[in-house]
Amino acid sequence: MDTIPSEYIRAENEQPAITTIAGTVLEVPVIDMGDTDQENLVRLIADASRDWGIFQVVNHGIEGDVIMKLQKVGREFFELPQEEKEVYAKPDGAQIVEGYGTKLQKEVEGKKGWVDHLFHKIWPPSVINYHFWPKNPPSYREANEEYTKKLRVVADKLFESLSLGLGLEGHELKDAGGGEDLNYLMKINYYPPCPRPDLALGVVAHTDMSCITILVPNEVQGLQVFKDEHWYNVKYIPNALIIHIGDQIEILSNGNYKSVLHRTTVNKDNTRMSWPVFLEPPQELEVGPVSKLVNEENPSKYKTKKYKDYVYCKLNKIPQ
């Protein structure tokens, strides 16, 4: 088993073996959210969001066992027989992202990522469709609901810090991104062992469409970030959450914060999994730079448009 189907083999300029800076693990900023000095915490989060677009947080208030339960039920779902997972597949032709094994983006030149996945919304209650939540394992719903409750507290603190870091009031950035109607979209990525990890990618290089993405990884290395014209592995830190700045925060901040270009590699011997939650504006919400951040010296760098129109353009590779 040292070959893989041709549709999984990336072009040379994408192959991990050729494009990764070997032996160097990127020390993306690690931020202690338990820091009682709020000014310092705001500064660290704002700096990381400007310079990196990605950071890791520790002491975030989500207990280790809550994260372990989330990981356990996700892993158990993906270990079910294929026909059991297919029950949750997205209906043919449906214009939604939720479901098992969703093929979201147009794959360029027919290439595929070495990955399987499940999408479902976890908040607010008005957007949840339990049809896409696995019934097996039986504790799946409870584990996800417990995680969601804790995650919302972390998300609010991140939004507040990002807002204050721009000189805005603490609530303004979240309000501009949808406020209490922000959609929390859970995705579970499942990357099985790959015979030729040097040639394939789990997920190709992209920035997230969301405002913020909050991600739980497992211990298998795989996340890479593009920094200073090179690809680097991101160090795994047990119990840390990985925070990605997404396209909508870049837009709302009028380019002060940068969404992070990242991709995922795969492993020859071990299954990698990750649990990103995308915090997205409601589909009909118009998103553009916050008016307080636009003036004669800093004109608007982005168009204001409905989030659903942004998504359509991005998925279909149409200029924004």
C-alpha atoms as a PDB file:
ATOM      1  CA  MET A   1       0.000   0.000   0.000  1.00  0.00           C
ATOM      2  CA  ASP A   2       2.369   2.711  -1.132  1.00  0.00           C
ATOM      3  CA  THR A   3       0.100   4.203  -3.794  1.00  0.00           C
ATOM      4  CA  ILE A   4      -3.010   6.358  -3.660  1.00  0.00           C
ATOM      5  CA  PRO A   5      -5.584   7.145  -6.383  1.00  0.00           C
ATOM      6  CA  SER A   6      -4.474   9.940  -8.696  1.00  0.00           C
ATOM      7  CA  GLU A   7      -7.335  12.242  -7.663  1.00  0.00           C
ATOM      8  CA  TYR A   8      -5.686  12.587  -4.232  1.00  0.00           C
ATOM      9  CA  ILE A   9      -2.219  13.486  -5.545  1.00  0.00           C
ATOM     10  CA  ARG A  10      -1.652  17.232  -5.330  1.00  0.00           C
ATOM     11  CA  ALA A  11       0.328  19.329  -7.796  1.00  0.00           C
ATOM     12  CA  GLU A  12       4.006  19.710  -6.879  1.00  0.00           C
ATOM     13  CA  ASN A  13       3.508  23.257  -5.601  1.00  0.00           C
ATOM     14  CA  GLU A  14       1.029  21.850  -3.047  1.00  0.00           C
ATOM     15  CA  GLN A  15       2.716  18.594  -2.031  1.00  0.00           C
ATOM     16  CA  PRO A  16       3.563  18.682   1.683  1.00  0.00           C
ATOM     17  CA  ALA A  17       6.931  16.942   1.264  1.00  0.00           C
ATOM     18  CA  ILE A  18       8.106  19.677  -1.101  1.00  0.00           C
ATOM     19  CA  THR A  19       6.457  22.763   0.383  1.00  0.00           C
ATOM     20  CA  THR A  20       6.795  22.316   4.163  1.00  0.00           C
ATOM     21  CA  ILE A  21       9.723  23.796   6.086  1.00  0.00           C
ATOM     22  CA  ALA A  22      10.938  20.571   7.676  1.00  0.00           C
ATOM     23  CA  GLY A  23      12.106  20.398  11.261  1.00  0.00           C
ATOM     24  CA  THR A  24      10.611  23.756  12.196  1.00  0.00           C
ATOM     25  CA  VAL A  25       7.407  23.801  14.200  1.00  0.00           C
ATOM     26  CA  LEU A  26       5.727  27.170  14.189  1.00  0.00           C
ATOM     27  CA  GLU A  27       5.284  28.611  17.661  1.00  0.00           C
ATOM     28  CA  VAL A  28       2.052  30.469  17.020  1.00  0.00           C
ATOM     29  CA  PRO A  29       1.137  32.729  19.951  1.00  0.00           C
ATOM     30  CA  VAL A  30      -0.188  30.901  23.009  1.00  0.00           C
ATOM     31  CA  ILE A  31      -2.453  33.106  25.117  1.00  0.00           C
ATOM     32  CA  ASP A  32      -3.555  32.485  28.699  1.00  0.00           C
ATOM     33  CA  MET A  33      -7.230  33.428  28.840  1.00  0.00           C
ATOM     34  CA  GLY A  34      -7.070  33.233  32.619  1.00  0.00           C
ATOM     35  CA  ASP A  35      -4.932  36.393  32.627  1.00  0.00           C
ATOM     36  CA  THR A  36      -6.557  38.794  35.103  1.00  0.00           C
ATOM     37  CA  ASP A  37      -4.893  41.795  33.438  1.00  0.00           C
ATOM     38  CA  GLN A  38      -7.554  42.518  30.846  1.00  0.00           C
ATOM     39  CA  GLU A  39      -5.524  45.148  29.019  1.00  0.00           C
ATOM     40  CA  ASN A  40      -2.694  42.679  28.544  1.00  0.00           C
ATOM     41  CA  LEU A  41      -5.089  39.958  27.340  1.00  0.00           C
ATOM     42  CA  VAL A  42      -6.687  42.327  24.821  1.00  0.00           C
ATOM     43  CA  ARG A  43      -3.279  43.424  23.545  1.00  0.00           C
ATOM     44  CA  LEU A  44      -2.040  39.836  23.107  1.00  0.00           C
ATOM     45  CA  ILE A  45      -5.193  38.752  21.245  1.00  0.00           C
ATOM     46  CA  ALA A  46      -5.201  41.851  19.032  1.00  0.00           C
ATOM     47  CA  ASP A  47      -1.491  41.505  18.200  1.00  0.00           C
ATOM     48  CA  ALA A  48      -1.858  37.802  17.344  1.00  0.00           C
ATOM     49  CA  SER A  49      -4.871  38.566  15.154  1.00  0.00           C
ATOM     50  CA  ARG A  50      -3.003  41.307  13.275  1.00  0.00           C
ATOM     51  CA  ASP A  51       0.315  39.515  12.839  1.00  0.00           C
ATOM     52  CA  TRP A  52      -0.719  35.881  12.576  1.00  0.00           C
ATOM     53  CA  GLY A  53      -4.480  35.446  12.163  1.00  0.00           C
ATOM     54  CA  ILE A  54      -4.155  32.422  14.425  1.00  0.00           C
ATOM     55  CA  PHE A  55      -3.361  31.752  18.073  1.00  0.00           C
ATOM     56  CA  GLN A  56      -3.872  29.103  20.717  1.00  0.00           C
ATOM     57  CA  VAL A  57      -5.621  29.698  24.033  1.00  0.00           C
ATOM     58  CA  VAL A  58      -5.082  27.897  27.332  1.00  0.00           C
ATOM     59  CA  ASN A  59      -6.954  28.278  30.637  1.00  0.00           C
ATOM     60  CA  HIS A  60     -10.018  28.972  28.508  1.00  0.00           C
ATOM     61  CA  GLY A  61     -12.504  27.555  31.001  1.00  0.00           C
ATOM     62  CA  ILE A  62     -13.578  24.419  29.109  1.00  0.00           C
ATOM     63  CA  GLU A  63     -12.690  21.469  31.310  1.00  0.00           C
ATOM     64  CA  GLY A  64     -10.555  18.684  29.877  1.00  0.00           C
ATOM     65  CA  ASP A  65     -13.273  16.083  30.401  1.00  0.00           C
ATOM     66  CA  VAL A  66     -15.788  18.149  28.398  1.00  0.00           C
ATOM     67  CA  ILE A  67     -13.352  18.192  25.474  1.00  0.00           C
ATOM     68  CA  MET A  68     -12.540  14.491  25.932  1.00  0.00           C
ATOM     69  CA  LYS A  69     -16.243  13.566  25.756  1.00  0.00           C
ATOM     70  CA  LEU A  70     -16.670  15.642  22.589  1.00  0.00           C
ATOM     71  CA  GLN A  71     -13.704  13.846  21.007  1.00  0.00           C
ATOM     72  CA  LYS A  72     -14.838  10.419  22.169  1.00  0.00           C
ATOM     73  CA  VAL A  73     -18.336  10.614  20.674  1.00  0.00           C
ATOM     74  CA  GLY A  74     -17.000  12.081  17.425  1.00  0.00           C
ATOM     75  CA  ARG A  75     -14.432   9.316  17.074  1.00  0.00           C
ATOM     76  CA  GLU A  76     -17.055   6.653  17.848  1.00  0.00           C
ATOM     77  CA  PHE A  77     -19.348   8.030  15.138  1.00  0.00           C
ATOM     78  CA  PHE A  78     -16.632   7.844  12.481  1.00  0.00           C
ATOM     79  CA  GLU A  79     -15.775   4.278  13.519  1.00  0.00           C
ATOM     80  CA  LEU A  80     -19.342   3.134  12.727  1.00  0.00           C
ATOM     81  CA  PRO A  81     -20.016   1.090   9.580  1.00  0.00           C
ATOM     82  CA  GLN A  82     -20.293   3.252   6.462  1.00  0.00           C
ATOM     83  CA  GLU A  83     -24.023   2.586   5.982  1.00  0.00           C
ATOM     84  CA  GLU A  84     -24.771   3.876   9.500  1.00  0.00           C
ATOM     85  CA  LYS A  85     -22.911   7.108   8.773  1.00  0.00           C
ATOM     86  CA  GLU A  86     -24.632   7.516   5.401  1.00  0.00           C
ATOM     87  CA  VAL A  87     -27.961   7.902   7.247  1.00  0.00           C
ATOM     88  CA  TYR A  88     -26.751  11.454   8.038  1.00  0.00           C
ATOM     89  CA  ALA A  89     -25.612  12.296   4.508  1.00  0.00           C
ATOM     90  CA  LYS A  90     -26.725  15.597   3.001  1.00  0.00           C
ATOM     91  CA  PRO A  91     -29.796  15.057   0.765  1.00  0.00           C
ATOM     92  CA  ASP A  92     -28.921  15.120  -2.954  1.00  0.00           C
ATOM     93  CA  GLY A  93     -29.193  18.593  -4.432  1.00  0.00           C
ATOM     94  CA  ALA A  94     -29.891  20.279  -1.080  1.00  0.00           C
ATOM     95  CA  GLN A  95     -28.354  23.756  -0.793  1.00  0.00           C
ATOM     96  CA  ILE A  96     -27.121  23.222   2.752  1.00  0.00           C
ATOM     97  CA  VAL A  97     -23.780  22.326   4.268  1.00  0.00           C
ATOM     98  CA  GLU A  98     -25.099  20.131   7.061  1.00  0.00           C
ATOM     99  CA  GLY A  99     -24.696  16.390   6.895  1.00  0.00           C
ATOM    100  CA  TYR A 100     -22.161  13.602   6.682  1.00  0.00           C
ATOM    101  CA  GLY A 101     -19.498  13.479   3.975  1.00  0.00           C
ATOM    102  CA  THR A 102     -20.503  16.851   2.579  1.00  0.00           C
ATOM    103  CA  LYS A 103     -18.642  17.914  -0.534  1.00  0.00           C
ATOM    104  CA  LEU A 104     -18.648  21.667  -0.104  1.00  0.00           C
ATOM    105  CA  GLN A 105     -16.139  23.345  -2.331  1.00  0.00           C
ATOM    106  CA  LYS A 106     -15.633  22.779  -6.003  1.00  0.00           C
ATOM    107  CA  GLU A 107     -12.452  20.747  -6.052  1.00  0.00           C
ATOM    108  CA  VAL A 108     -10.013  22.330  -8.444  1.00  0.00           C
ATOM    109  CA  GLU A 109      -9.002  20.066 -11.343  1.00  0.00           C
ATOM    110  CA  GLY A 110     -10.962  17.189  -9.849  1.00  0.00           C
ATOM    111  CA  LYS A 111      -8.590  16.747  -6.899  1.00  0.00           C
ATOM    112  CA  LYS A 112      -9.872  15.466  -3.556  1.00  0.00           C
ATOM    113  CA  GLY A 113      -8.865  15.960   0.043  1.00  0.00           C
ATOM    114  CA  TRP A 114      -7.948  12.889   2.121  1.00  0.00           C
ATOM    115  CA  VAL A 115     -10.751  13.532   4.583  1.00  0.00           C
ATOM    116  CA  ASP A 116     -14.231  12.559   5.675  1.00  0.00           C
ATOM    117  CA  HIS A 117     -16.490  14.871   7.653  1.00  0.00           C
ATOM    118  CA  LEU A 118     -19.737  15.729   9.385  1.00  0.00           C
ATOM    119  CA  PHE A 119     -21.349  19.185   9.644  1.00  0.00           C
ATOM    120  CA  HIS A 120     -24.198  20.272  11.901  1.00  0.00           C
ATOM    121  CA  LYS A 121     -25.259  23.490  13.601  1.00  0.00           C
ATOM    122  CA  ILE A 122     -25.032  23.599  17.396  1.00  0.00           C
ATOM    123  CA  TRP A 123     -26.324  27.125  18.207  1.00  0.00           C
ATOM    124  CA  PRO A 124     -28.683  29.045  18.403  1.00  0.00           C
ATOM    125  CA  PRO A 125     -31.535  26.586  19.063  1.00  0.00           C
ATOM    126  CA  SER A 126     -33.603  28.122  16.233  1.00  0.00           C
ATOM    127  CA  VAL A 127     -31.146  26.840  13.581  1.00  0.00           C
ATOM    128  CA  ILE A 128     -30.446  23.373  14.981  1.00  0.00           C
ATOM    129  CA  ASN A 129     -31.612  20.425  12.865  1.00  0.00           C
ATOM    130  CA  TYR A 130     -31.224  17.286  14.980  1.00  0.00           C
ATOM    131  CA  HIS A 131     -31.691  15.157  11.884  1.00  0.00           C
ATOM    132  CA  PHE A 132     -27.957  15.664  11.271  1.00  0.00           C
ATOM    133  CA  TRP A 133     -26.896  14.850  14.849  1.00  0.00           C
ATOM    134  CA  PRO A 134     -25.837  11.211  15.185  1.00  0.00           C
ATOM    135  CA  LYS A 135     -28.094   9.057  17.408  1.00  0.00           C
ATOM    136  CA  ASN A 136     -25.195   6.658  17.852  1.00  0.00           C
ATOM    137  CA  PRO A 137     -23.205   6.890  20.087  1.00  0.00           C
ATOM    138  CA  PRO A 138     -26.145   7.617  22.435  1.00  0.00           C
ATOM    139  CA  SER A 139     -24.234  10.308  24.386  1.00  0.00           C
ATOM    140  CA  TYR A 140     -23.420  12.295  21.216  1.00  0.00           C
ATOM    141  CA  ARG A 141     -26.032  14.994  21.791  1.00  0.00           C
ATOM    142  CA  GLU A 142     -25.264  15.458  25.472  1.00  0.00           C
ATOM    143  CA  ALA A 143     -21.506  15.786  24.829  1.00  0.00           C
ATOM    144  CA  ASN A 144     -22.055  18.363  22.083  1.00  0.00           C
ATOM    145  CA  GLU A 145     -24.543  20.404  24.107  1.00  0.00           C
ATOM    146  CA  GLU A 146     -22.215  20.513  27.104  1.00  0.00           C
ATOM    147  CA  TYR A 147     -19.326  21.642  24.901  1.00  0.00           C
ATOM    148  CA  THR A 148     -21.496  24.277  23.175  1.00  0.00           C
ATOM    149  CA  LYS A 149     -22.530  25.829  26.479  1.00  0.00           C
ATOM    150  CA  LYS A 150     -18.883  26.295  27.526  1.00  0.00           C
ATOM    151  CA  LEU A 151     -17.762  27.326  24.049  1.00  0.00           C
ATOM    152  CA  ARG A 152     -20.188  30.255  23.898  1.00  0.00           C
ATOM    153  CA  VAL A 153     -18.526  31.811  26.948  1.00  0.00           C
ATOM    154  CA  VAL A 154     -15.100  31.539  25.267  1.00  0.00           C
ATOM    155  CA  ALA A 155     -16.473  32.978  22.024  1.00  0.00           C
ATOM    156  CA  ASP A 156     -17.956  36.003  23.785  1.00  0.00           C
ATOM    157  CA  LYS A 157     -14.650  36.711  25.521  1.00  0.00           C
ATOM    158  CA  LEU A 158     -12.792  36.479  22.203  1.00  0.00           C
ATOM    159  CA  PHE A 159     -15.226  38.832  20.468  1.00  0.00           C
ATOM    160  CA  GLU A 160     -14.968  41.299  23.336  1.00  0.00           C
ATOM    161  CA  SER A 161     -11.151  41.279  23.268  1.00  0.00           C
ATOM    162  CA  LEU A 162     -11.038  41.637  19.475  1.00  0.00           C
ATOM    163  CA  SER A 163     -13.469  44.546  19.701  1.00  0.00           C
ATOM    164  CA  LEU A 164     -11.561  46.359  22.441  1.00  0.00           C
ATOM    165  CA  GLY A 165      -8.335  45.764  20.506  1.00  0.00           C
ATOM    166  CA  LEU A 166      -9.724  47.911  17.683  1.00  0.00           C
ATOM    167  CA  GLY A 167     -10.694  50.729  20.054  1.00  0.00           C
ATOM    168  CA  LEU A 168     -14.369  49.763  19.825  1.00  0.00           C
ATOM    169  CA  GLU A 169     -16.725  49.027  22.695  1.00  0.00           C
ATOM    170  CA  GLY A 170     -16.649  45.408  23.828  1.00  0.00           C
ATOM    171  CA  HIS A 171     -19.965  44.416  22.241  1.00  0.00           C
ATOM    172  CA  GLU A 172     -19.567  46.079  18.834  1.00  0.00           C
ATOM    173  CA  LEU A 173     -17.727  43.425  16.825  1.00  0.00           C
ATOM    174  CA  LYS A 174     -20.043  40.611  17.909  1.00  0.00           C
ATOM    175  CA  ASP A 175     -23.086  42.771  17.196  1.00  0.00           C
ATOM    176  CA  ALA A 176     -21.782  43.571  13.712  1.00  0.00           C
ATOM    177  CA  GLY A 177     -21.249  39.858  13.051  1.00  0.00           C
ATOM    178  CA  GLY A 178     -24.759  38.824  14.029  1.00  0.00           C
ATOM    179  CA  GLY A 179     -24.984  39.205  17.798  1.00  0.00           C
ATOM    180  CA  GLU A 180     -27.103  36.510  19.435  1.00  0.00           C
ATOM    181  CA  ASP A 181     -28.045  35.206  15.978  1.00  0.00           C
ATOM    182  CA  LEU A 182     -24.476  34.130  15.165  1.00  0.00           C
ATOM    183  CA  ASN A 183     -24.566  30.572  13.844  1.00  0.00           C
ATOM    184  CA  TYR A 184     -22.260  28.021  15.437  1.00  0.00           C
ATOM    185  CA  LEU A 185     -21.471  25.370  12.839  1.00  0.00           C
ATOM    186  CA  MET A 186     -19.698  22.243  14.099  1.00  0.00           C
ATOM    187  CA  LYS A 187     -17.537  20.293  11.667  1.00  0.00           C
ATOM    188  CA  ILE A 188     -15.772  17.068  12.504  1.00  0.00           C
ATOM    189  CA  ASN A 189     -12.836  16.316  10.221  1.00  0.00           C
ATOM    190  CA  TYR A 190     -11.690  12.696  10.050  1.00  0.00           C
ATOM    191  CA  TYR A 191      -8.371  12.073   8.295  1.00  0.00           C
ATOM    192  CA  PRO A 192      -7.653   8.317   8.117  1.00  0.00           C
ATOM    193  CA  PRO A 193      -4.091   7.020   7.716  1.00  0.00           C
ATOM    194  CA  CYS A 194      -2.763   7.753   4.229  1.00  0.00           C
ATOM    195  CA  PRO A 195      -0.142   5.569   2.483  1.00  0.00           C
ATOM    196  CA  ARG A 196       1.444   8.616   0.791  1.00  0.00           C
ATOM    197  CA  PRO A 197       1.132  11.613   3.125  1.00  0.00           C
ATOM    198  CA  ASP A 198       3.929  13.286   1.144  1.00  0.00           C
ATOM    199  CA  LEU A 199       1.627  13.608  -1.889  1.00  0.00           C
ATOM    200  CA  ALA A 200      -1.840  14.261  -0.426  1.00  0.00           C
ATOM    201  CA  LEU A 201      -3.550  16.922   1.677  1.00  0.00           C
ATOM    202  CA  GLY A 202      -6.448  16.574   4.081  1.00  0.00           C
ATOM    203  CA  VAL A 203      -7.787  20.052   3.361  1.00  0.00           C
ATOM    204  CA  VAL A 204      -6.246  22.360   0.765  1.00  0.00           C
ATOM    205  CA  ALA A 205      -4.986  25.853   1.541  1.00  0.00           C
ATOM    206  CA  HIS A 206      -7.835  28.203   2.440  1.00  0.00           C
ATOM    207  CA  THR A 207      -9.006  30.926   4.777  1.00  0.00           C
ATOM    208  CA  ASP A 208     -12.208  30.348   6.754  1.00  0.00           C
ATOM    209  CA  MET A 209     -15.355  32.212   5.701  1.00  0.00           C
ATOM    210  CA  SER A 210     -16.460  32.552   9.328  1.00  0.00           C
ATOM    211  CA  CYS A 211     -15.932  35.403  11.781  1.00  0.00           C
ATOM    212  CA  ILE A 212     -13.922  33.199  14.119  1.00  0.00           C
ATOM    213  CA  THR A 213     -13.183  29.468  14.080  1.00  0.00           C
ATOM    214  CA  ILE A 214     -12.552  27.700  17.386  1.00  0.00           C
ATOM    215  CA  LEU A 215     -10.888  24.335  16.877  1.00  0.00           C
ATOM    216  CA  VAL A 216     -10.107  21.292  19.025  1.00  0.00           C
ATOM    217  CA  PRO A 217      -7.465  19.011  17.456  1.00  0.00           C
ATOM    218  CA  ASN A 218      -6.432  15.527  18.460  1.00  0.00           C
ATOM    219  CA  GLU A 219      -2.770  14.812  19.199  1.00  0.00           C
ATOM    220  CA  VAL A 220      -1.803  13.865  15.614  1.00  0.00           C
ATOM    221  CA  GLN A 221       0.166  16.650  13.891  1.00  0.00           C
ATOM    222  CA  GLY A 222      -1.502  18.081  10.807  1.00  0.00           C
ATOM    223  CA  LEU A 223      -2.373  21.773  10.931  1.00  0.00           C
ATOM    224  CA  GLN A 224      -0.105  23.978   8.820  1.00  0.00           C
ATOM    225  CA  VAL A 225      -0.014  27.756   8.497  1.00  0.00           C
ATOM    226  CA  PHE A 226       1.401  29.873   5.671  1.00  0.00           C
ATOM    227  CA  LYS A 227       3.754  32.450   7.153  1.00  0.00           C
ATOM    228  CA  ASP A 228       6.512  34.485   5.492  1.00  0.00           C
ATOM    229  CA  GLU A 229       5.981  32.682   2.178  1.00  0.00           C
ATOM    230  CA  HIS A 230       6.412  29.185   3.649  1.00  0.00           C
ATOM    231  CA  TRP A 231       4.294  26.384   5.124  1.00  0.00           C
ATOM    232  CA  TYR A 232       4.967  25.432   8.739  1.00  0.00           C
ATOM    233  CA  ASN A 233       3.550  22.813  11.109  1.00  0.00           C
ATOM    234  CA  VAL A 234       1.662  24.258  14.082  1.00  0.00           C
ATOM    235  CA  LYS A 235       2.699  22.816  17.430  1.00  0.00           C
ATOM    236  CA  TYR A 236       0.118  20.678  19.234  1.00  0.00           C
ATOM    237  CA  ILE A 237      -0.582  21.810  22.798  1.00  0.00           C
ATOM    238  CA  PRO A 238      -2.749  19.496  24.925  1.00  0.00           C
ATOM    239  CA  ASN A 239      -6.092  21.058  25.987  1.00  0.00           C
ATOM    240  CA  ALA A 240      -5.486  24.262  24.030  1.00  0.00           C
ATOM    241  CA  LEU A 241      -8.091  25.644  21.641  1.00  0.00           C
ATOM    242  CA  ILE A 242      -6.832  26.862  18.273  1.00  0.00           C
ATOM    243  CA  ILE A 243      -8.412  30.160  17.183  1.00  0.00           C
ATOM    244  CA  HIS A 244      -8.533  31.130  13.504  1.00  0.00           C
ATOM    245  CA  ILE A 245      -9.440  34.651  12.450  1.00  0.00           C
ATOM    246  CA  GLY A 246     -11.875  34.225   9.555  1.00  0.00           C
ATOM    247  CA  ASP A 247     -12.745  36.353   6.554  1.00  0.00           C
ATOM    248  CA  GLN A 248     -15.657  38.154   8.259  1.00  0.00           C
ATOM    249  CA  ILE A 249     -13.509  39.509  11.107  1.00  0.00           C
ATOM    250  CA  GLU A 250     -10.968  40.685   8.522  1.00  0.00           C
ATOM    251  CA  ILE A 251     -13.818  42.502   6.743  1.00  0.00           C
ATOM    252  CA  LEU A 252     -15.461  43.904   9.902  1.00  0.00           C
ATOM    253  CA  SER A 253     -12.077  45.155  11.144  1.00  0.00           C
ATOM    254  CA  ASN A 254     -11.409  46.748   7.723  1.00  0.00           C
ATOM    255  CA  GLY A 255      -8.247  44.670   7.363  1.00  0.00           C
ATOM    256  CA  ASN A 256      -6.796  45.373  10.809  1.00  0.00           C
ATOM    257  CA  TYR A 257      -7.088  41.679  11.609  1.00  0.00           C
ATOM    258  CA  LYS A 258      -6.080  39.070   9.033  1.00  0.00           C
ATOM    259  CA  SER A 259      -7.744  35.766   8.249  1.00  0.00           C
ATOM    260  CA  VAL A 260      -5.200  32.953   8.322  1.00  0.00           C
ATOM    261  CA  LEU A 261      -4.218  30.852   5.291  1.00  0.00           C
ATOM    262  CA  HIS A 262      -3.959  27.265   6.499  1.00  0.00           C
ATOM    263  CA  ARG A 263      -4.162  23.662   5.314  1.00  0.00           C
ATOM    264  CA  THR A 264      -4.086  20.141   6.737  1.00  0.00           C
ATOM    265  CA  THR A 265      -1.610  17.340   6.148  1.00  0.00           C
ATOM    266  CA  VAL A 266      -2.267  13.655   6.797  1.00  0.00           C
ATOM    267  CA  ASN A 267      -0.383  10.882   8.567  1.00  0.00           C
ATOM    268  CA  LYS A 268       0.821   7.476   7.387  1.00  0.00           C
ATOM    269  CA  ASP A 269       0.099   5.589  10.601  1.00  0.00           C
ATOM    270  CA  ASN A 270      -2.438   7.519  12.638  1.00  0.00           C
ATOM    271  CA  THR A 271      -5.919   8.977  12.226  1.00  0.00           C
ATOM    272  CA  ARG A 272      -6.041  12.710  12.719  1.00  0.00           C
ATOM    273  CA  MET A 273      -9.269  14.367  13.794  1.00  0.00           C
ATOM    274  CA  SER A 274     -10.308  17.935  14.486  1.00  0.00           C
ATOM    275  CA  TRP A 275     -13.444  19.667  15.719  1.00  0.00           C
ATOM    276  CA  PRO A 276     -13.647  23.214  14.335  1.00  0.00           C
ATOM    277  CA  VAL A 277     -16.698  25.329  15.176  1.00  0.00           C
ATOM    278  CA  PHE A 278     -17.301  28.150  12.702  1.00  0.00           C
ATOM    279  CA  LEU A 279     -18.964  31.264  14.129  1.00  0.00           C
ATOM    280  CA  GLU A 280     -20.833  32.645  11.153  1.00  0.00           C
ATOM    281  CA  PRO A 281     -23.174  35.590  10.560  1.00  0.00           C
ATOM    282  CA  PRO A 282     -26.788  34.739   9.685  1.00  0.00           C
ATOM    283  CA  GLN A 283     -27.205  34.209   5.939  1.00  0.00           C
ATOM    284  CA  GLU A 284     -29.173  37.427   5.321  1.00  0.00           C
ATOM    285  CA  LEU A 285     -26.977  39.714   7.440  1.00  0.00           C
ATOM    286  CA  GLU A 286     -25.067  42.406   5.562  1.00  0.00           C
ATOM    287  CA  VAL A 287     -21.415  42.380   6.590  1.00  0.00           C
ATOM    288  CA  GLY A 288     -18.954  45.165   5.869  1.00  0.00           C
ATOM    289  CA  PRO A 289     -16.320  47.203   7.714  1.00  0.00           C
ATOM    290  CA  VAL A 290     -17.546  48.667  11.014  1.00  0.00           C
ATOM    291  CA  SER A 291     -18.288  52.332  10.270  1.00  0.00           C
ATOM    292  CA  LYS A 292     -16.127  53.621  13.163  1.00  0.00           C
ATOM    293  CA  LEU A 293     -13.080  52.020  11.495  1.00  0.00           C
ATOM    294  CA  VAL A 294     -13.614  53.794   8.165  1.00  0.00           C
ATOM    295  CA  ASN A 295     -12.498  57.385   7.513  1.00  0.00           C
ATOM    296  CA  GLU A 296     -10.599  59.455   4.939  1.00  0.00           C
ATOM    297  CA  GLU A 297      -7.226  58.020   5.981  1.00  0.00           C
ATOM    298  CA  ASN A 298      -8.674  54.489   6.153  1.00  0.00           C
ATOM    299  CA  PRO A 299     -11.255  54.077   3.412  1.00  0.00           C
ATOM    300  CA  SER A 300     -13.329  50.912   3.263  1.00  0.00           C
ATOM    301  CA  LYS A 301     -11.240  48.025   1.869  1.00  0.00           C
ATOM    302  CA  TYR A 302     -14.170  45.604   1.464  1.00  0.00           C
ATOM    303  CA  LYS A 303     -17.639  45.604  -0.068  1.00  0.00           C
ATOM    304  CA  THR A 304     -20.633  45.324   2.232  1.00  0.00           C
ATOM    305  CA  LYS A 305     -22.748  42.341   1.215  1.00  0.00           C
ATOM    306  CA  LYS A 306     -25.039  39.679   2.575  1.00  0.00           C
ATOM    307  CA  TYR A 307     -23.130  36.822   4.150  1.00  0.00           C
ATOM    308  CA  LYS A 308     -24.859  34.289   1.875  1.00  0.00           C
ATOM    309  CA  ASP A 309     -23.620  36.230  -1.187  1.00  0.00           C
ATOM    310  CA  TYR A 310     -20.085  36.219   0.201  1.00  0.00           C
ATOM    311  CA  VAL A 311     -20.289  32.460   0.699  1.00  0.00           C
ATOM    312  CA  TYR A 312     -21.622  31.900  -2.823  1.00  0.00           C
ATOM    313  CA  CYS A 313     -18.781  33.884  -4.372  1.00  0.00           C
ATOM    314  CA  LYS A 314     -16.129  32.165  -2.275  1.00  0.00           C
ATOM    315  CA  LEU A 315     -17.349  28.618  -2.897  1.00  0.00           C
ATOM    316  CA  ASN A 316     -17.659  29.238  -6.620  1.00  0.00           C
ATOM    317  CA  LYS A 317     -14.320  31.040  -6.848  1.00  0.00           C
ATOM    318  CA  ILE A 318     -15.943  34.307  -8.008  1.00  0.00           C
ATOM    319  CA  PRO A 319     -14.072  37.528  -7.104  1.00  0.00           C
ATOM    320  CA  GLN A 320     -15.703  39.307  -4.155  1.00  0.00           C
END
